[in-house]
């Protein structure tokens, strides 16, 4: 399974808010919090968010022509997003699969 050796890190940013990032075995960041959280437990809940059939996944080309994804909860809040752009949509989808996208 893709990403089974990924490492998660929870840390505080310069503003004192909690964030997480997911790093692949090659050192590349393959996921990250798209916002800071006031509590560590809220940050960890976002980090551990599993597949949710009610979430909406969007794939789009950014201004540079690279593919990205974002995941929205039912309330419209973005609960995940690509940390980098990809040359092909399938590569963005593969990265999203690490975060719970099931196609």
Protein backbone atom coordinates (compact mmCIF):
# COMPACT_ATOMS: atom_id res chain seq x y z
CA UNK A 1 0.00 0.00 0.00
CA UNK A 2 1.30 3.44 -0.92
CA UNK A 3 2.44 5.45 2.03
CA UNK A 4 2.57 2.66 4.59
CA UNK A 5 6.07 3.81 5.64
CA UNK A 6 5.14 7.49 5.81
CA UNK A 7 5.95 9.34 9.04
CA UNK A 8 3.68 11.89 10.72
CA UNK A 9 4.95 14.86 12.69
CA UNK A 10 2.87 17.20 14.88
CA UNK A 11 4.48 20.54 15.71
CA UNK A 12 3.74 24.13 16.70
CA UNK A 13 4.23 26.84 14.11
CA UNK A 14 5.60 30.37 14.68
CA UNK A 15 2.15 31.56 15.79
CA UNK A 16 1.93 28.79 18.41
CA UNK A 17 -0.72 26.87 16.46
CA UNK A 18 -0.56 23.10 15.99
CA UNK A 19 0.11 21.63 12.54
CA UNK A 20 0.99 18.24 11.11
CA UNK A 21 2.96 17.03 8.13
CA UNK A 22 3.35 13.63 6.49
CA UNK A 23 6.75 12.67 5.09
CA UNK A 24 7.46 9.82 2.67
CA UNK A 25 10.41 7.48 3.19
CA UNK A 26 12.40 9.50 0.61
CA UNK A 27 11.99 12.66 2.75
CA UNK A 28 9.39 14.38 0.54
CA UNK A 29 6.48 16.03 2.33
CA UNK A 30 3.38 14.31 0.91
CA UNK A 31 0.73 15.86 3.15
CA UNK A 32 0.32 18.70 5.60
CA UNK A 33 -2.27 20.57 7.62
CA UNK A 34 -3.81 23.35 5.56
CA UNK A 35 -4.48 25.41 8.69
CA UNK A 36 -3.19 25.81 12.22
CA UNK A 37 -5.15 24.44 15.21
CA UNK A 38 -5.45 25.93 18.68
CA UNK A 39 -5.35 22.50 20.32
CA UNK A 40 -3.05 19.59 19.63
CA UNK A 41 -5.98 17.16 19.86
CA UNK A 42 -7.87 18.99 17.05
CA UNK A 43 -4.72 18.87 14.92
CA UNK A 44 -4.31 15.15 15.54
CA UNK A 45 -7.99 14.53 14.73
CA UNK A 46 -7.48 16.22 11.34
CA UNK A 47 -4.25 14.28 10.78
CA UNK A 48 -5.98 10.96 11.48
CA UNK A 49 -9.07 11.75 9.43
CA UNK A 50 -9.85 8.57 7.55
CA UNK A 51 -11.94 8.00 4.45
CA UNK A 52 -15.29 9.73 4.69
CA UNK A 53 -17.79 9.17 1.86
CA UNK A 54 -19.38 12.55 2.60
CA UNK A 55 -16.15 14.47 1.93
CA UNK A 56 -15.79 16.04 -1.51
CA UNK A 57 -12.47 15.68 -3.34
CA UNK A 58 -11.58 18.29 -5.96
CA UNK A 59 -8.76 17.97 -8.50
CA UNK A 60 -7.74 21.08 -10.41
CA UNK A 61 -4.91 22.73 -12.31
CA UNK A 62 -3.24 25.63 -10.52
CA UNK A 63 -1.94 28.86 -12.11
CA UNK A 64 1.31 27.08 -13.07
CA UNK A 65 -0.58 24.31 -14.88
CA UNK A 66 0.17 21.73 -12.18
CA UNK A 67 -2.43 19.37 -10.73
CA UNK A 68 -3.51 19.71 -7.11
CA UNK A 69 -6.26 18.36 -4.88
CA UNK A 70 -8.28 19.57 -1.94
CA UNK A 71 -10.64 17.73 0.38
CA UNK A 72 -13.75 19.46 1.75
CA UNK A 73 -15.91 18.35 4.66
CA UNK A 74 -19.70 18.50 4.47
CA UNK A 75 -19.64 21.96 6.10
CA UNK A 76 -17.45 23.26 3.25
CA UNK A 77 -14.26 23.54 5.31
CA UNK A 78 -11.10 22.44 3.54
CA UNK A 79 -9.73 19.57 5.64
CA UNK A 80 -6.84 18.61 3.37
CA UNK A 81 -4.95 19.87 0.34
CA UNK A 82 -1.96 18.98 -1.80
CA UNK A 83 1.28 20.38 -0.45
CA UNK A 84 2.74 20.60 -3.97
CA UNK A 85 1.66 20.55 -7.62
CA UNK A 86 1.98 17.53 -9.93
CA UNK A 87 2.61 17.35 -13.68
CA UNK A 88 -0.15 14.74 -14.17
CA UNK A 89 -3.58 14.39 -12.60
CA UNK A 90 -2.89 10.71 -11.83
CA UNK A 91 0.08 11.77 -9.67
CA UNK A 92 -2.16 14.19 -7.72
CA UNK A 93 -4.70 11.36 -7.30
CA UNK A 94 -1.94 9.02 -6.03
CA UNK A 95 -0.93 11.64 -3.46
CA UNK A 96 -4.58 12.13 -2.44
CA UNK A 97 -4.88 8.34 -1.95
CA UNK A 98 -2.23 8.64 0.79
CA UNK A 99 -4.65 11.00 2.54
CA UNK A 100 -7.76 8.79 2.20
CA UNK A 101 -9.01 9.38 -1.36
CA UNK A 102 -10.63 6.21 -2.65
CA UNK A 103 -11.41 7.24 -6.21
